[in-house]
PDB file of N, CA and C in Angstrom:
ATOM      1  N   UNK A   1       0.814  -1.114  -0.190  1.00  0.00           N
ATOM      2  CA  UNK A   1       0.182   0.014  -0.108  1.00  0.00           C
ATOM      3  C   UNK A   1       0.884   1.082   0.155  1.00  0.00           C
ATOM      4  N   UNK A   2       0.242   2.229  -0.457  1.00  0.00           N
ATOM      5  CA  UNK A   2       0.874   3.514  -0.283  1.00  0.00           C
ATOM      6  C   UNK A   2       0.076   4.691   0.008  1.00  0.00           C
ATOM      7  N   UNK A   3       0.619   5.772   0.628  1.00  0.00           N
ATOM      8  CA  UNK A   3      -0.029   6.888   0.985  1.00  0.00           C
ATOM      9  C   UNK A   3      -0.096   7.952  -0.113  1.00  0.00           C
ATOM     10  N   UNK A   4      -1.261   8.451  -0.518  1.00  0.00           N
ATOM     11  CA  UNK A   4      -1.509   9.110  -1.493  1.00  0.00           C
ATOM     12  C   UNK A   4      -2.504  10.348  -1.245  1.00  0.00           C
ATOM     13  N   UNK A   5      -2.342  11.458  -1.904  1.00  0.00           N
ATOM     14  CA  UNK A   5      -3.622  12.629  -1.788  1.00  0.00           C
ATOM     15  C   UNK A   5      -4.259  12.376  -3.031  1.00  0.00           C
ATOM     16  N   UNK A   6      -5.801  12.631  -2.743  1.00  0.00           N
ATOM     17  CA  UNK A   6      -6.687  12.570  -3.863  1.00  0.00           C
ATOM     18  C   UNK A   6      -6.575  14.160  -4.285  1.00  0.00           C
ATOM     19  N   UNK A   7      -6.447  14.055  -5.805  1.00  0.00           N
ATOM     20  CA  UNK A   7      -6.326  15.324  -6.384  1.00  0.00           C
ATOM     21  C   UNK A   7      -7.455  15.786  -7.166  1.00  0.00           C
ATOM     22  N   UNK A   8      -8.272  14.785  -7.540  1.00  0.00           N
ATOM     23  CA  UNK A   8      -9.517  15.045  -8.280  1.00  0.00           C
ATOM     24  C   UNK A   8     -10.273  13.870  -8.609  1.00  0.00           C
ATOM     25  N   UNK A   9     -11.205  14.260  -9.551  1.00  0.00           N
ATOM     26  CA  UNK A   9     -12.057  13.068 -10.070  1.00  0.00           C
ATOM     27  C   UNK A   9     -11.811  12.922 -11.431  1.00  0.00           C
ATOM     28  N   UNK A  10     -12.098  11.528 -11.874  1.00  0.00           N
ATOM     29  CA  UNK A  10     -11.946  11.374 -13.370  1.00  0.00           C
ATOM     30  C   UNK A  10     -13.037  10.931 -13.766  1.00  0.00           C
ATOM     31  N   UNK A  11     -13.643  11.460 -14.809  1.00  0.00           N
ATOM     32  CA  UNK A  11     -14.817  11.161 -15.501  1.00  0.00           C
ATOM     33  C   UNK A  11     -14.852  10.610 -16.757  1.00  0.00           C
ATOM     34  N   UNK A  12     -15.324   9.350 -16.881  1.00  0.00           N
ATOM     35  CA  UNK A  12     -15.296   8.584 -18.105  1.00  0.00           C
ATOM     36  C   UNK A  12     -16.662   8.123 -18.599  1.00  0.00           C
ATOM     37  N   UNK A  13     -17.264   8.780 -19.727  1.00  0.00           N
ATOM     38  CA  UNK A  13     -18.431   8.324 -20.275  1.00  0.00           C
ATOM     39  C   UNK A  13     -18.534   7.056 -20.738  1.00  0.00           C
ATOM     40  N   UNK A  14     -17.546   6.652 -21.562  1.00  0.00           N
ATOM     41  CA  UNK A  14     -17.378   5.430 -22.270  1.00  0.00           C
ATOM     42  C   UNK A  14     -16.466   4.471 -21.460  1.00  0.00           C
ATOM     43  N   UNK A  15     -16.796   3.327 -21.081  1.00  0.00           N
ATOM     44  CA  UNK A  15     -15.947   2.601 -20.451  1.00  0.00           C
ATOM     45  C   UNK A  15     -16.228   1.291 -20.315  1.00  0.00           C
ATOM     46  N   UNK A  16     -15.475   0.127 -19.701  1.00  0.00           N
ATOM     47  CA  UNK A  16     -15.966  -1.156 -19.597  1.00  0.00           C
ATOM     48  C   UNK A  16     -17.076  -0.996 -18.702  1.00  0.00           C
ATOM     49  N   UNK A  17     -17.916  -2.149 -18.968  1.00  0.00           N
ATOM     50  CA  UNK A  17     -19.013  -2.319 -18.108  1.00  0.00           C
ATOM     51  C   UNK A  17     -18.732  -2.558 -16.545  1.00  0.00           C
ATOM     52  N   UNK A  18     -17.533  -3.293 -16.446  1.00  0.00           N
ATOM     53  CA  UNK A  18     -17.168  -3.626 -14.921  1.00  0.00           C
ATOM     54  C   UNK A  18     -16.796  -2.282 -14.115  1.00  0.00           C
ATOM     55  N   UNK A  19     -16.556  -1.065 -15.059  1.00  0.00           N
ATOM     56  CA  UNK A  19     -16.300   0.245 -14.197  1.00  0.00           C
ATOM     57  C   UNK A  19     -17.630   0.978 -13.803  1.00  0.00           C
ATOM     58  N   UNK A  20     -18.654   0.689 -14.784  1.00  0.00           N
ATOM     59  CA  UNK A  20     -19.803   1.537 -14.446  1.00  0.00           C
ATOM     60  C   UNK A  20     -20.059   1.979 -13.103  1.00  0.00           C
ATOM     61  N   UNK A  21     -20.187   1.283 -12.365  1.00  0.00           N
ATOM     62  CA  UNK A  21     -20.706   1.743 -10.790  1.00  0.00           C
ATOM     63  C   UNK A  21     -19.381   2.370  -9.945  1.00  0.00           C
ATOM     64  N   UNK A  22     -18.268   2.439 -10.510  1.00  0.00           N
ATOM     65  CA  UNK A  22     -17.059   2.942  -9.819  1.00  0.00           C
ATOM     66  C   UNK A  22     -17.071   4.415  -9.836  1.00  0.00           C
ATOM     67  N   UNK A  23     -16.469   4.906  -8.770  1.00  0.00           N
ATOM     68  CA  UNK A  23     -16.112   6.397  -8.758  1.00  0.00           C
ATOM     69  C   UNK A  23     -14.586   6.277  -8.803  1.00  0.00           C
ATOM     70  N   UNK A  24     -13.991   6.975  -9.885  1.00  0.00           N
ATOM     71  CA  UNK A  24     -12.903   6.818 -10.103  1.00  0.00           C
ATOM     72  C   UNK A  24     -12.029   8.403  -9.634  1.00  0.00           C
ATOM     73  N   UNK A  25     -10.904   8.276  -8.980  1.00  0.00           N
ATOM     74  CA  UNK A  25     -10.196   9.293  -8.611  1.00  0.00           C
ATOM     75  C   UNK A  25      -8.768   9.524  -8.877  1.00  0.00           C
ATOM     76  N   UNK A  26      -8.399  10.763  -9.056  1.00  0.00           N
ATOM     77  CA  UNK A  26      -6.879  10.992  -9.450  1.00  0.00           C
ATOM     78  C   UNK A  26      -6.157  10.979  -8.231  1.00  0.00           C
ATOM     79  N   UNK A  27      -5.033  10.316  -7.813  1.00  0.00           N
ATOM     80  CA  UNK A  27      -4.599  10.261  -6.676  1.00  0.00           C
ATOM     81  C   UNK A  27      -2.731  10.464  -7.045  1.00  0.00           C
ATOM     82  N   UNK A  28      -1.953  10.812  -6.144  1.00  0.00           N
ATOM     83  CA  UNK A  28      -0.636  10.870  -6.344  1.00  0.00           C
ATOM     84  C   UNK A  28       0.121  10.666  -5.166  1.00  0.00           C
ATOM     85  N   UNK A  29       1.239   9.755  -5.001  1.00  0.00           N
ATOM     86  CA  UNK A  29       1.804   9.259  -3.790  1.00  0.00           C
ATOM     87  C   UNK A  29       2.348  10.671  -3.167  1.00  0.00           C
ATOM     88  N   UNK A  30       2.527  10.454  -1.938  1.00  0.00           N
ATOM     89  CA  UNK A  30       2.952  11.788  -0.970  1.00  0.00           C
ATOM     90  C   UNK A  30       4.315  11.084  -0.606  1.00  0.00           C
ATOM     91  N   UNK A  31       5.384  12.180  -0.331  1.00  0.00           N
ATOM     92  CA  UNK A  31       6.721  11.963   0.351  1.00  0.00           C
ATOM     93  C   UNK A  31       6.394  12.142   1.841  1.00  0.00           C
ATOM     94  N   UNK A  32       7.652  12.152   2.530  1.00  0.00           N
ATOM     95  CA  UNK A  32       7.934  12.052   3.963  1.00  0.00           C
ATOM     96  C   UNK A  32       7.293  13.440   4.509  1.00  0.00           C
ATOM     97  N   UNK A  33       7.157  14.458   3.719  1.00  0.00           N
ATOM     98  CA  UNK A  33       6.489  15.647   4.193  1.00  0.00           C
ATOM     99  C   UNK A  33       5.069  15.941   3.761  1.00  0.00           C
ATOM    100  N   UNK A  34       4.483  14.903   3.440  1.00  0.00           N
ATOM    101  CA  UNK A  34       3.111  14.680   2.921  1.00  0.00           C
ATOM    102  C   UNK A  34       2.806  15.624   1.644  1.00  0.00           C
ATOM    103  N   UNK A  35       3.742  15.757   0.758  1.00  0.00           N
ATOM    104  CA  UNK A  35       3.595  16.612  -0.207  1.00  0.00           C
ATOM    105  C   UNK A  35       3.519  15.557  -1.607  1.00  0.00           C
ATOM    106  N   UNK A  36       2.392  15.785  -2.554  1.00  0.00           N
ATOM    107  CA  UNK A  36       2.454  15.038  -3.801  1.00  0.00           C
ATOM    108  C   UNK A  36       3.689  14.770  -4.516  1.00  0.00           C
ATOM    109  N   UNK A  37       4.052  13.546  -4.792  1.00  0.00           N
ATOM    110  CA  UNK A  37       5.261  13.420  -5.507  1.00  0.00           C
ATOM    111  C   UNK A  37       5.189  12.118  -6.410  1.00  0.00           C
ATOM    112  N   UNK A  38       6.012  12.058  -7.398  1.00  0.00           N
ATOM    113  CA  UNK A  38       5.522  10.620  -8.248  1.00  0.00           C
ATOM    114  C   UNK A  38       4.762  10.910  -9.410  1.00  0.00           C
ATOM    115  N   UNK A  39       4.143   9.818  -9.743  1.00  0.00           N
ATOM    116  CA  UNK A  39       3.339   9.763 -10.885  1.00  0.00           C
ATOM    117  C   UNK A  39       1.690   9.913 -10.372  1.00  0.00           C
ATOM    118  N   UNK A  40       0.794  10.186 -11.361  1.00  0.00           N
ATOM    119  CA  UNK A  40      -0.494  10.160 -11.040  1.00  0.00           C
ATOM    120  C   UNK A  40      -1.222   8.778 -11.229  1.00  0.00           C
ATOM    121  N   UNK A  41      -1.987   8.628 -10.552  1.00  0.00           N
ATOM    122  CA  UNK A  41      -2.561   7.186 -10.512  1.00  0.00           C
ATOM    123  C   UNK A  41      -4.151   7.260 -10.531  1.00  0.00           C
ATOM    124  N   UNK A  42      -5.012   6.647 -11.344  1.00  0.00           N
ATOM    125  CA  UNK A  42      -6.565   6.587 -11.299  1.00  0.00           C
ATOM    126  C   UNK A  42      -6.790   5.486 -10.458  1.00  0.00           C
ATOM    127  N   UNK A  43      -7.484   5.630  -9.326  1.00  0.00           N
ATOM    128  CA  UNK A  43      -7.837   4.754  -8.390  1.00  0.00           C
ATOM    129  C   UNK A  43      -9.214   4.531  -8.197  1.00  0.00           C
ATOM    130  N   UNK A  44      -9.918   3.345  -8.266  1.00  0.00           N
ATOM    131  CA  UNK A  44     -11.090   3.168  -7.787  1.00  0.00           C
ATOM    132  C   UNK A  44     -11.470   3.416  -6.226  1.00  0.00           C
ATOM    133  N   UNK A  45     -12.528   4.134  -6.078  1.00  0.00           N
ATOM    134  CA  UNK A  45     -12.667   4.532  -4.777  1.00  0.00           C
ATOM    135  C   UNK A  45     -13.728   3.576  -3.935  1.00  0.00           C
ATOM    136  N   UNK A  46     -13.079   2.785  -2.868  1.00  0.00           N
ATOM    137  CA  UNK A  46     -13.947   1.891  -2.326  1.00  0.00           C
ATOM    138  C   UNK A  46     -14.564   2.324  -0.977  1.00  0.00           C
ATOM    139  N   UNK A  47     -14.094   3.787  -0.503  1.00  0.00           N
ATOM    140  CA  UNK A  47     -14.328   4.161   0.761  1.00  0.00           C
ATOM    141  C   UNK A  47     -15.089   5.595   0.891  1.00  0.00           C
ATOM    142  N   UNK A  48     -15.198   6.092  -0.418  1.00  0.00           N
ATOM    143  CA  UNK A  48     -15.900   7.536  -0.220  1.00  0.00           C
ATOM    144  C   UNK A  48     -15.076   8.402  -0.026  1.00  0.00           C
ATOM    145  N   UNK A  49     -13.728   8.534  -0.481  1.00  0.00           N
ATOM    146  CA  UNK A  49     -12.989   9.524  -0.230  1.00  0.00           C
ATOM    147  C   UNK A  49     -13.161  10.894  -1.033  1.00  0.00           C
ATOM    148  N   UNK A  50     -12.608  11.834  -0.576  1.00  0.00           N
ATOM    149  CA  UNK A  50     -12.750  13.252  -1.387  1.00  0.00           C
ATOM    150  C   UNK A  50     -11.465  13.926  -1.609  1.00  0.00           C
ATOM    151  N   UNK A  51     -11.677  14.907  -2.409  1.00  0.00           N
ATOM    152  CA  UNK A  51     -10.614  15.808  -2.594  1.00  0.00           C
ATOM    153  C   UNK A  51      -9.601  16.370  -1.527  1.00  0.00           C
ATOM    154  N   UNK A  52      -8.259  16.133  -1.829  1.00  0.00           N
ATOM    155  CA  UNK A  52      -7.359  16.661  -0.992  1.00  0.00           C
ATOM    156  C   UNK A  52      -7.135  15.668   0.212  1.00  0.00           C
ATOM    157  N   UNK A  53      -8.004  14.465   0.342  1.00  0.00           N
ATOM    158  CA  UNK A  53      -7.769  13.500   1.603  1.00  0.00           C
ATOM    159  C   UNK A  53      -6.394  12.757   1.429  1.00  0.00           C
ATOM    160  N   UNK A  54      -5.895  12.467   2.549  1.00  0.00           N
ATOM    161  CA  UNK A  54      -4.659  11.578   2.510  1.00  0.00           C
ATOM    162  C   UNK A  54      -5.226  10.152   2.374  1.00  0.00           C
ATOM    163  N   UNK A  55      -4.960   9.195   1.685  1.00  0.00           N
ATOM    164  CA  UNK A  55      -5.604   7.772   1.689  1.00  0.00           C
ATOM    165  C   UNK A  55      -4.604   6.785   1.374  1.00  0.00           C
ATOM    166  N   UNK A  56      -5.211   5.651   1.757  1.00  0.00           N
ATOM    167  CA  UNK A  56      -4.435   4.410   1.286  1.00  0.00           C
ATOM    168  C   UNK A  56      -4.711   3.702   0.229  1.00  0.00           C
ATOM    169  N   UNK A  57      -3.782   3.428  -0.603  1.00  0.00           N
ATOM    170  CA  UNK A  57      -4.107   3.013  -2.070  1.00  0.00           C
ATOM    171  C   UNK A  57      -3.378   1.611  -2.179  1.00  0.00           C
ATOM    172  N   UNK A  58      -4.016   0.605  -2.510  1.00  0.00           N
ATOM    173  CA  UNK A  58      -3.574  -0.686  -3.043  1.00  0.00           C
ATOM    174  C   UNK A  58      -3.516  -0.851  -4.318  1.00  0.00           C
ATOM    175  N   UNK A  59      -2.257  -1.631  -4.995  1.00  0.00           N
ATOM    176  CA  UNK A  59      -2.340  -1.728  -6.259  1.00  0.00           C
ATOM    177  C   UNK A  59      -1.940  -2.876  -6.562  1.00  0.00           C
ATOM    178  N   UNK A  60      -1.892  -3.217  -8.034  1.00  0.00           N
ATOM    179  CA  UNK A  60      -2.051  -4.694  -8.577  1.00  0.00           C
ATOM    180  C   UNK A  60      -3.004  -5.615  -8.191  1.00  0.00           C
ATOM    181  N   UNK A  61      -2.859  -6.984  -7.986  1.00  0.00           N
ATOM    182  CA  UNK A  61      -3.891  -7.780  -7.880  1.00  0.00           C
ATOM    183  C   UNK A  61      -4.721  -7.546  -6.495  1.00  0.00           C
ATOM    184  N   UNK A  62      -3.864  -6.979  -5.570  1.00  0.00           N
ATOM    185  CA  UNK A  62      -4.386  -6.507  -4.312  1.00  0.00           C
ATOM    186  C   UNK A  62      -5.545  -5.550  -4.370  1.00  0.00           C
ATOM    187  N   UNK A  63      -5.551  -4.830  -5.494  1.00  0.00           N
ATOM    188  CA  UNK A  63      -6.625  -3.835  -5.676  1.00  0.00           C
ATOM    189  C   UNK A  63      -7.897  -4.435  -6.207  1.00  0.00           C
ATOM    190  N   UNK A  64      -7.883  -5.732  -6.526  1.00  0.00           N
ATOM    191  CA  UNK A  64      -9.243  -6.315  -6.841  1.00  0.00           C
ATOM    192  C   UNK A  64      -9.763  -7.343  -5.645  1.00  0.00           C
ATOM    193  N   UNK A  65      -9.304  -6.990  -4.501  1.00  0.00           N
ATOM    194  CA  UNK A  65      -9.916  -7.729  -3.386  1.00  0.00           C
ATOM    195  C   UNK A  65     -10.886  -7.197  -2.430  1.00  0.00           C
ATOM    196  N   UNK A  66     -11.310  -5.751  -2.716  1.00  0.00           N
ATOM    197  CA  UNK A  66     -12.147  -4.981  -2.122  1.00  0.00           C
ATOM    198  C   UNK A  66     -13.651  -5.493  -2.770  1.00  0.00           C
ATOM    199  N   UNK A  67     -14.688  -5.182  -1.702  1.00  0.00           N
ATOM    200  CA  UNK A  67     -15.967  -5.605  -2.126  1.00  0.00           C
ATOM    201  C   UNK A  67     -16.338  -4.762  -3.503  1.00  0.00           C
ATOM    202  N   UNK A  68     -15.946  -3.533  -3.499  1.00  0.00           N
ATOM    203  CA  UNK A  68     -16.175  -2.529  -4.624  1.00  0.00           C
ATOM    204  C   UNK A  68     -15.544  -3.030  -5.943  1.00  0.00           C
ATOM    205  N   UNK A  69     -14.285  -3.375  -5.863  1.00  0.00           N
ATOM    206  CA  UNK A  69     -13.414  -3.862  -6.883  1.00  0.00           C
ATOM    207  C   UNK A  69     -13.176  -5.264  -7.207  1.00  0.00           C
ATOM    208  N   UNK A  70     -13.775  -5.961  -6.572  1.00  0.00           N
ATOM    209  CA  UNK A  70     -13.655  -7.471  -6.887  1.00  0.00           C
ATOM    210  C   UNK A  70     -14.084  -7.841  -8.108  1.00  0.00           C
ATOM    211  N   UNK A  71     -13.212  -8.533  -8.899  1.00  0.00           N
ATOM    212  CA  UNK A  71     -13.393  -8.942 -10.358  1.00  0.00           C
ATOM    213  C   UNK A  71     -13.797  -7.773 -11.252  1.00  0.00           C
ATOM    214  N   UNK A  72     -12.944  -6.684 -11.248  1.00  0.00           N
ATOM    215  CA  UNK A  72     -13.396  -5.666 -12.011  1.00  0.00           C
ATOM    216  C   UNK A  72     -11.844  -5.122 -12.786  1.00  0.00           C
ATOM    217  N   UNK A  73     -11.752  -4.484 -13.806  1.00  0.00           N
ATOM    218  CA  UNK A  73     -10.720  -4.118 -14.398  1.00  0.00           C
ATOM    219  C   UNK A  73      -9.842  -2.998 -13.881  1.00  0.00           C
ATOM    220  N   UNK A  74      -9.493  -3.119 -12.635  1.00  0.00           N
ATOM    221  CA  UNK A  74      -8.724  -1.996 -11.743  1.00  0.00           C
ATOM    222  C   UNK A  74      -7.273  -2.443 -11.466  1.00  0.00           C
ATOM    223  N   UNK A  75      -6.471  -1.485 -11.563  1.00  0.00           N
ATOM    224  CA  UNK A  75      -5.288  -1.723 -11.025  1.00  0.00           C
ATOM    225  C   UNK A  75      -4.861  -1.034  -9.626  1.00  0.00           C
ATOM    226  N   UNK A  76      -5.514  -0.155  -9.350  1.00  0.00           N
ATOM    227  CA  UNK A  76      -5.390   0.731  -8.024  1.00  0.00           C
ATOM    228  C   UNK A  76      -6.936   1.038  -7.395  1.00  0.00           C
ATOM    229  N   UNK A  77      -6.837   0.953  -6.151  1.00  0.00           N
ATOM    230  CA  UNK A  77      -8.048   1.058  -5.372  1.00  0.00           C
ATOM    231  C   UNK A  77      -7.746   1.821  -4.096  1.00  0.00           C
ATOM    232  N   UNK A  78      -8.645   2.801  -3.620  1.00  0.00           N
ATOM    233  CA  UNK A  78      -8.586   3.647  -2.580  1.00  0.00           C
ATOM    234  C   UNK A  78      -9.150   2.565  -1.334  1.00  0.00           C
ATOM    235  N   UNK A  79      -8.441   2.174  -0.541  1.00  0.00           N
ATOM    236  CA  UNK A  79      -9.087   1.132   0.515  1.00  0.00           C
ATOM    237  C   UNK A  79      -9.174   1.701   1.892  1.00  0.00           C
ATOM    238  N   UNK A  80      -8.730   2.927   2.086  1.00  0.00           N
ATOM    239  CA  UNK A  80      -8.722   3.815   3.459  1.00  0.00           C
ATOM    240  C   UNK A  80      -8.432   5.186   3.288  1.00  0.00           C
ATOM    241  N   UNK A  81      -9.263   5.967   4.242  1.00  0.00           N
ATOM    242  CA  UNK A  81      -9.020   7.266   4.414  1.00  0.00           C
ATOM    243  C   UNK A  81      -8.108   7.234   5.691  1.00  0.00           C
ATOM    244  N   UNK A  82      -6.888   8.056   5.864  1.00  0.00           N
ATOM    245  CA  UNK A  82      -6.116   8.242   6.809  1.00  0.00           C
ATOM    246  C   UNK A  82      -6.319   9.498   7.738  1.00  0.00           C
ATOM    247  N   UNK A  83      -6.768   9.013   9.163  1.00  0.00           N
ATOM    248  CA  UNK A  83      -6.986   9.838   9.997  1.00  0.00           C
ATOM    249  C   UNK A  83      -6.037  10.559  10.740  1.00  0.00           C
ATOM    250  N   UNK A  84      -4.807   9.799  11.029  1.00  0.00           N
ATOM    251  CA  UNK A  84      -3.529  10.170  11.570  1.00  0.00           C
ATOM    252  C   UNK A  84      -2.430   9.361  11.038  1.00  0.00           C
ATOM    253  N   UNK A  85      -1.159   9.711  11.193  1.00  0.00           N
ATOM    254  CA  UNK A  85      -0.043   9.103  11.005  1.00  0.00           C
ATOM    255  C   UNK A  85       0.996   9.360  12.213  1.00  0.00           C
ATOM    256  N   UNK A  86       1.453   8.259  12.732  1.00  0.00           N
ATOM    257  CA  UNK A  86       2.379   8.112  13.920  1.00  0.00           C
ATOM    258  C   UNK A  86       3.575   7.784  13.596  1.00  0.00           C
ATOM    259  N   UNK A  87       4.880   8.183  13.858  1.00  0.00           N
ATOM    260  CA  UNK A  87       6.415   7.689  13.702  1.00  0.00           C
ATOM    261  C   UNK A  87       6.856   7.852  14.905  1.00  0.00           C
ATOM    262  N   UNK A  88       7.514   6.740  15.377  1.00  0.00           N
ATOM    263  CA  UNK A  88       8.195   6.715  16.606  1.00  0.00           C
ATOM    264  C   UNK A  88       7.306   7.258  17.924  1.00  0.00           C
ATOM    265  N   UNK A  89       6.267   6.914  18.019  1.00  0.00           N
ATOM    266  CA  UNK A  89       5.221   7.444  19.293  1.00  0.00           C
ATOM    267  C   UNK A  89       4.805   8.780  19.046  1.00  0.00           C
ATOM    268  N   UNK A  90       5.251   9.604  17.790  1.00  0.00           N
ATOM    269  CA  UNK A  90       4.667  11.113  17.575  1.00  0.00           C
ATOM    270  C   UNK A  90       3.672  11.150  16.553  1.00  0.00           C
ATOM    271  N   UNK A  91       2.858  11.768  16.745  1.00  0.00           N
ATOM    272  CA  UNK A  91       1.786  11.967  15.502  1.00  0.00           C
ATOM    273  C   UNK A  91       2.403  13.193  14.519  1.00  0.00           C
ATOM    274  N   UNK A  92       2.635  12.824  13.413  1.00  0.00           N
ATOM    275  CA  UNK A  92       3.270  13.689  12.529  1.00  0.00           C
ATOM    276  C   UNK A  92       2.459  14.071  11.348  1.00  0.00           C
ATOM    277  N   UNK A  93       1.189  13.523  11.299  1.00  0.00           N
ATOM    278  CA  UNK A  93      -0.072  14.219  10.533  1.00  0.00           C
ATOM    279  C   UNK A  93      -1.194  13.583  11.051  1.00  0.00           C
ATOM    280  N   UNK A  94      -2.100  14.801  10.954  1.00  0.00           N
ATOM    281  CA  UNK A  94      -3.689  14.461  11.513  1.00  0.00           C
ATOM    282  C   UNK A  94      -4.575  15.001  10.431  1.00  0.00           C
ATOM    283  N   UNK A  95      -5.345  14.574  10.099  1.00  0.00           N
ATOM    284  CA  UNK A  95      -6.566  14.681   8.991  1.00  0.00           C
ATOM    285  C   UNK A  95      -6.932  16.086   9.215  1.00  0.00           C
ATOM    286  N   UNK A  96      -7.418  16.881  10.130  1.00  0.00           N
ATOM    287  CA  UNK A  96      -7.842  18.108  10.093  1.00  0.00           C
ATOM    288  C   UNK A  96      -6.780  19.239  10.263  1.00  0.00           C
ATOM    289  N   UNK A  97      -5.494  18.855  10.536  1.00  0.00           N
ATOM    290  CA  UNK A  97      -4.327  19.701  10.849  1.00  0.00           C
ATOM    291  C   UNK A  97      -3.451  19.622   9.471  1.00  0.00           C
ATOM    292  N   UNK A  98      -3.180  18.525   8.955  1.00  0.00           N
ATOM    293  CA  UNK A  98      -2.177  18.288   7.937  1.00  0.00           C
ATOM    294  C   UNK A  98      -0.914  17.820   8.811  1.00  0.00           C
ATOM    295  N   UNK A  99       0.286  18.318   8.099  1.00  0.00           N
ATOM    296  CA  UNK A  99       1.661  17.683   8.817  1.00  0.00           C
ATOM    297  C   UNK A  99       2.066  18.547   9.845  1.00  0.00           C
ATOM    298  N   UNK A 100       2.197  17.811  10.771  1.00  0.00           N
ATOM    299  CA  UNK A 100       2.504  18.643  12.425  1.00  0.00           C
ATOM    300  C   UNK A 100       4.095  18.810  12.395  1.00  0.00           C
ATOM    301  N   UNK A 101       4.360  19.864  13.050  1.00  0.00           N
ATOM    302  CA  UNK A 101       5.787  20.043  13.463  1.00  0.00           C
ATOM    303  C   UNK A 101       6.449  18.800  13.963  1.00  0.00           C
ATOM    304  N   UNK A 102       7.846  18.236  13.525  1.00  0.00           N
ATOM    305  CA  UNK A 102       8.294  17.237  13.912  1.00  0.00           C
ATOM    306  C   UNK A 102       9.764  17.684  14.571  1.00  0.00           C
TER     307      UNK A 102
END
């Protein structure tokens, strides 16, 4: 799994029937300071994530193991919305605050 930030929504009016009921979101992996880095990924949303949220993304065959994405043509799925990140006993990121001074 990776930590990623939701950047927006992907709309596709013509797609495979397996994607019809899925909400697709544009996400980007975040670095140690919780800033977007790396490549963009389109991920199926299994948990109701929204714009700017920090999320957990499963990729590859694991992406097809949620109730929402089972047997669907997806390679990435948002499977969690992050409330807090703790490193060595200290909270370094909180949902309503963002990055916390370390």
